[in-house]
């Protein structure tokens, strides 16, 4: 029972972290790339575009 509870907690924690990463915007630093630019660069490198 304890093992199942740990697995449920771990999955909920992971889902929460992924949700936060998807919706929370990080502040842009001066001279840094915007999130859109970073996403486009990742797409180009992975061959998705």
PDB file of N, CA and C in Angstrom:
ATOM      1  N   UNK A   1       0.824  -1.191   0.000  1.00  0.00           N
ATOM      2  CA  UNK A   1       0.000   0.000   0.000  1.00  0.00           C
ATOM      3  C   UNK A   1       0.873   1.261   0.000  1.00  0.00           C
ATOM      4  N   UNK A   2       1.954   1.231   0.772  1.00  0.00           N
ATOM      5  CA  UNK A   2       2.829   2.382   0.853  1.00  0.00           C
ATOM      6  C   UNK A   2       3.506   2.651  -0.494  1.00  0.00           C
ATOM      7  N   UNK A   3       3.874   1.586  -1.186  1.00  0.00           N
ATOM      8  CA  UNK A   3       4.521   1.722  -2.491  1.00  0.00           C
ATOM      9  C   UNK A   3       3.568   2.357  -3.507  1.00  0.00           C
ATOM     10  N   UNK A   4       2.308   1.944  -3.478  1.00  0.00           N
ATOM     11  CA  UNK A   4       1.310   2.496  -4.393  1.00  0.00           C
ATOM     12  C   UNK A   4       1.094   3.981  -4.109  1.00  0.00           C
ATOM     13  N   UNK A   5       1.046   4.352  -2.848  1.00  0.00           N
ATOM     14  CA  UNK A   5       0.858   5.761  -2.483  1.00  0.00           C
ATOM     15  C   UNK A   5       2.040   6.607  -2.962  1.00  0.00           C
ATOM     16  N   UNK A   6       3.256   6.070  -2.852  1.00  0.00           N
ATOM     17  CA  UNK A   6       4.438   6.795  -3.327  1.00  0.00           C
ATOM     18  C   UNK A   6       4.380   6.974  -4.841  1.00  0.00           C
ATOM     19  N   UNK A   7       3.933   5.949  -5.563  1.00  0.00           N
ATOM     20  CA  UNK A   7       3.831   6.044  -7.018  1.00  0.00           C
ATOM     21  C   UNK A   7       2.786   7.082  -7.426  1.00  0.00           C
ATOM     22  N   UNK A   8       1.663   7.089  -6.735  1.00  0.00           N
ATOM     23  CA  UNK A   8       0.612   8.065  -7.032  1.00  0.00           C
ATOM     24  C   UNK A   8       1.131   9.477  -6.763  1.00  0.00           C
ATOM     25  N   UNK A   9       1.806   9.657  -5.643  1.00  0.00           N
ATOM     26  CA  UNK A   9       2.355  10.971  -5.307  1.00  0.00           C
ATOM     27  C   UNK A   9       3.373  11.408  -6.348  1.00  0.00           C
ATOM     28  N   UNK A  10       4.250  10.506  -6.771  1.00  0.00           N
ATOM     29  CA  UNK A  10       5.279  10.839  -7.752  1.00  0.00           C
ATOM     30  C   UNK A  10       4.658  11.238  -9.086  1.00  0.00           C
ATOM     31  N   UNK A  11       3.624  10.529  -9.498  1.00  0.00           N
ATOM     32  CA  UNK A  11       2.963  10.860 -10.769  1.00  0.00           C
ATOM     33  C   UNK A  11       2.236  12.199 -10.687  1.00  0.00           C
ATOM     34  N   UNK A  12       1.607  12.476  -9.561  1.00  0.00           N
ATOM     35  CA  UNK A  12       0.928  13.762  -9.387  1.00  0.00           C
ATOM     36  C   UNK A  12       1.939  14.894  -9.359  1.00  0.00           C
ATOM     37  N   UNK A  13       3.071  14.693  -8.684  1.00  0.00           N
ATOM     38  CA  UNK A  13       4.114  15.708  -8.616  1.00  0.00           C
ATOM     39  C   UNK A  13       4.667  15.990 -10.008  1.00  0.00           C
ATOM     40  N   UNK A  14       4.922  14.947 -10.788  1.00  0.00           N
ATOM     41  CA  UNK A  14       5.447  15.112 -12.139  1.00  0.00           C
ATOM     42  C   UNK A  14       4.441  15.849 -13.024  1.00  0.00           C
ATOM     43  N   UNK A  15       3.173  15.484 -12.940  1.00  0.00           N
ATOM     44  CA  UNK A  15       2.144  16.155 -13.733  1.00  0.00           C
ATOM     45  C   UNK A  15       2.068  17.639 -13.365  1.00  0.00           C
ATOM     46  N   UNK A  16       2.164  17.945 -12.086  1.00  0.00           N
ATOM     47  CA  UNK A  16       2.118  19.333 -11.630  1.00  0.00           C
ATOM     48  C   UNK A  16       3.305  20.119 -12.165  1.00  0.00           C
ATOM     49  N   UNK A  17       4.497  19.533 -12.113  1.00  0.00           N
ATOM     50  CA  UNK A  17       5.698  20.215 -12.604  1.00  0.00           C
ATOM     51  C   UNK A  17       5.602  20.470 -14.110  1.00  0.00           C
ATOM     52  N   UNK A  18       5.119  19.479 -14.857  1.00  0.00           N
ATOM     53  CA  UNK A  18       4.975  19.656 -16.302  1.00  0.00           C
ATOM     54  C   UNK A  18       3.942  20.732 -16.618  1.00  0.00           C
ATOM     55  N   UNK A  19       2.863  20.776 -15.866  1.00  0.00           N
ATOM     56  CA  UNK A  19       1.843  21.802 -16.060  1.00  0.00           C
ATOM     57  C   UNK A  19       2.420  23.183 -15.791  1.00  0.00           C
ATOM     58  N   UNK A  20       3.170  23.310 -14.730  1.00  0.00           N
ATOM     59  CA  UNK A  20       3.785  24.602 -14.405  1.00  0.00           C
ATOM     60  C   UNK A  20       4.766  25.026 -15.486  1.00  0.00           C
ATOM     61  N   UNK A  21       5.585  24.089 -15.976  1.00  0.00           N
ATOM     62  CA  UNK A  21       6.546  24.424 -17.025  1.00  0.00           C
ATOM     63  C   UNK A  21       5.833  24.864 -18.301  1.00  0.00           C
ATOM     64  N   UNK A  22       4.688  24.276 -18.561  1.00  0.00           N
ATOM     65  CA  UNK A  22       3.955  24.606 -19.782  1.00  0.00           C
ATOM     66  C   UNK A  22       3.317  25.991 -19.710  1.00  0.00           C
ATOM     67  N   UNK A  23       2.793  26.392 -18.557  1.00  0.00           N
ATOM     68  CA  UNK A  23       2.028  27.624 -18.462  1.00  0.00           C
ATOM     69  C   UNK A  23       2.753  28.798 -17.816  1.00  0.00           C
ATOM     70  N   UNK A  24       3.760  28.554 -17.005  1.00  0.00           N
ATOM     71  CA  UNK A  24       4.437  29.647 -16.316  1.00  0.00           C
ATOM     72  C   UNK A  24       5.527  30.209 -17.222  1.00  0.00           C
ATOM     73  N   UNK A  25       5.478  31.495 -17.444  1.00  0.00           N
ATOM     74  CA  UNK A  25       6.487  32.140 -18.297  1.00  0.00           C
ATOM     75  C   UNK A  25       7.657  32.612 -17.430  1.00  0.00           C
ATOM     76  N   UNK A  26       8.836  32.328 -17.910  1.00  0.00           N
ATOM     77  CA  UNK A  26      10.044  32.781 -17.223  1.00  0.00           C
ATOM     78  C   UNK A  26      10.345  34.208 -17.686  1.00  0.00           C
ATOM     79  N   UNK A  27      10.841  35.065 -16.785  1.00  0.00           N
ATOM     80  CA  UNK A  27      11.195  36.423 -17.208  1.00  0.00           C
ATOM     81  C   UNK A  27      12.359  36.383 -18.199  1.00  0.00           C
ATOM     82  N   UNK A  28      12.283  37.239 -19.197  1.00  0.00           N
ATOM     83  CA  UNK A  28      13.339  37.283 -20.203  1.00  0.00           C
ATOM     84  C   UNK A  28      14.519  38.081 -19.665  1.00  0.00           C
ATOM     85  N   UNK A  29      15.703  37.574 -19.909  1.00  0.00           N
ATOM     86  CA  UNK A  29      16.896  38.294 -19.491  1.00  0.00           C
ATOM     87  C   UNK A  29      17.360  39.182 -20.646  1.00  0.00           C
ATOM     88  N   UNK A  30      18.104  40.210 -20.313  1.00  0.00           N
ATOM     89  CA  UNK A  30      18.607  41.105 -21.351  1.00  0.00           C
ATOM     90  C   UNK A  30      19.617  40.352 -22.206  1.00  0.00           C
ATOM     91  N   UNK A  31      19.462  40.452 -23.494  1.00  0.00           N
ATOM     92  CA  UNK A  31      20.384  39.781 -24.401  1.00  0.00           C
ATOM     93  C   UNK A  31      20.085  38.309 -24.580  1.00  0.00           C
ATOM     94  N   UNK A  32      19.111  37.788 -23.856  1.00  0.00           N
ATOM     95  CA  UNK A  32      18.752  36.379 -23.970  1.00  0.00           C
ATOM     96  C   UNK A  32      17.679  36.175 -25.018  1.00  0.00           C
ATOM     97  N   UNK A  33      17.414  34.936 -25.308  1.00  0.00           N
ATOM     98  CA  UNK A  33      16.388  34.616 -26.289  1.00  0.00           C
ATOM     99  C   UNK A  33      15.036  34.490 -25.606  1.00  0.00           C
ATOM    100  N   UNK A  34      13.983  34.835 -26.347  1.00  0.00           N
ATOM    101  CA  UNK A  34      12.640  34.685 -25.810  1.00  0.00           C
ATOM    102  C   UNK A  34      12.258  33.214 -25.856  1.00  0.00           C
ATOM    103  N   UNK A  35      11.181  32.871 -25.180  1.00  0.00           N
ATOM    104  CA  UNK A  35      10.730  31.479 -25.170  1.00  0.00           C
ATOM    105  C   UNK A  35      10.359  31.021 -26.565  1.00  0.00           C
ATOM    106  N   UNK A  36       9.768  31.916 -27.352  1.00  0.00           N
ATOM    107  CA  UNK A  36       9.400  31.559 -28.721  1.00  0.00           C
ATOM    108  C   UNK A  36      10.639  31.251 -29.560  1.00  0.00           C
ATOM    109  N   UNK A  37      11.702  32.042 -29.379  1.00  0.00           N
ATOM    110  CA  UNK A  37      12.941  31.802 -30.114  1.00  0.00           C
ATOM    111  C   UNK A  37      13.573  30.480 -29.697  1.00  0.00           C
ATOM    112  N   UNK A  38      13.560  30.188 -28.402  1.00  0.00           N
ATOM    113  CA  UNK A  38      14.119  28.927 -27.926  1.00  0.00           C
ATOM    114  C   UNK A  38      13.325  27.741 -28.458  1.00  0.00           C
ATOM    115  N   UNK A  39      11.992  27.859 -28.463  1.00  0.00           N
ATOM    116  CA  UNK A  39      11.147  26.791 -28.974  1.00  0.00           C
ATOM    117  C   UNK A  39      11.409  26.559 -30.458  1.00  0.00           C
ATOM    118  N   UNK A  40      11.554  27.634 -31.218  1.00  0.00           N
ATOM    119  CA  UNK A  40      11.837  27.506 -32.650  1.00  0.00           C
ATOM    120  C   UNK A  40      13.197  26.845 -32.883  1.00  0.00           C
ATOM    121  N   UNK A  41      14.187  27.193 -32.068  1.00  0.00           N
ATOM    122  CA  UNK A  41      15.512  26.584 -32.197  1.00  0.00           C
ATOM    123  C   UNK A  41      15.452  25.084 -31.876  1.00  0.00           C
ATOM    124  N   UNK A  42      14.689  24.711 -30.862  1.00  0.00           N
ATOM    125  CA  UNK A  42      14.547  23.298 -30.510  1.00  0.00           C
ATOM    126  C   UNK A  42      13.869  22.546 -31.656  1.00  0.00           C
ATOM    127  N   UNK A  43      12.848  23.155 -32.246  1.00  0.00           N
ATOM    128  CA  UNK A  43      12.153  22.525 -33.373  1.00  0.00           C
ATOM    129  C   UNK A  43      13.099  22.320 -34.551  1.00  0.00           C
ATOM    130  N   UNK A  44      13.899  23.329 -34.848  1.00  0.00           N
ATOM    131  CA  UNK A  44      14.845  23.203 -35.978  1.00  0.00           C
ATOM    132  C   UNK A  44      15.859  22.090 -35.726  1.00  0.00           C
ATOM    133  N   UNK A  45      16.387  22.042 -34.515  1.00  0.00           N
ATOM    134  CA  UNK A  45      17.410  21.035 -34.199  1.00  0.00           C
ATOM    135  C   UNK A  45      16.837  19.617 -34.190  1.00  0.00           C
ATOM    136  N   UNK A  46      15.577  19.501 -33.805  1.00  0.00           N
ATOM    137  CA  UNK A  46      14.975  18.171 -33.752  1.00  0.00           C
ATOM    138  C   UNK A  46      14.417  17.727 -35.099  1.00  0.00           C
ATOM    139  N   UNK A  47      14.380  18.632 -36.060  1.00  0.00           N
ATOM    140  CA  UNK A  47      13.893  18.293 -37.385  1.00  0.00           C
ATOM    141  C   UNK A  47      12.387  18.323 -37.509  1.00  0.00           C
ATOM    142  N   UNK A  48      11.702  19.030 -36.628  1.00  0.00           N
ATOM    143  CA  UNK A  48      10.245  19.086 -36.664  1.00  0.00           C
ATOM    144  C   UNK A  48       9.720  20.119 -37.651  1.00  0.00           C
ATOM    145  N   UNK A  49      10.588  21.033 -38.127  1.00  0.00           N
ATOM    146  CA  UNK A  49      10.105  22.043 -39.073  1.00  0.00           C
ATOM    147  C   UNK A  49      10.673  21.818 -40.424  1.00  0.00           C
TER     148      UNK A  49
END
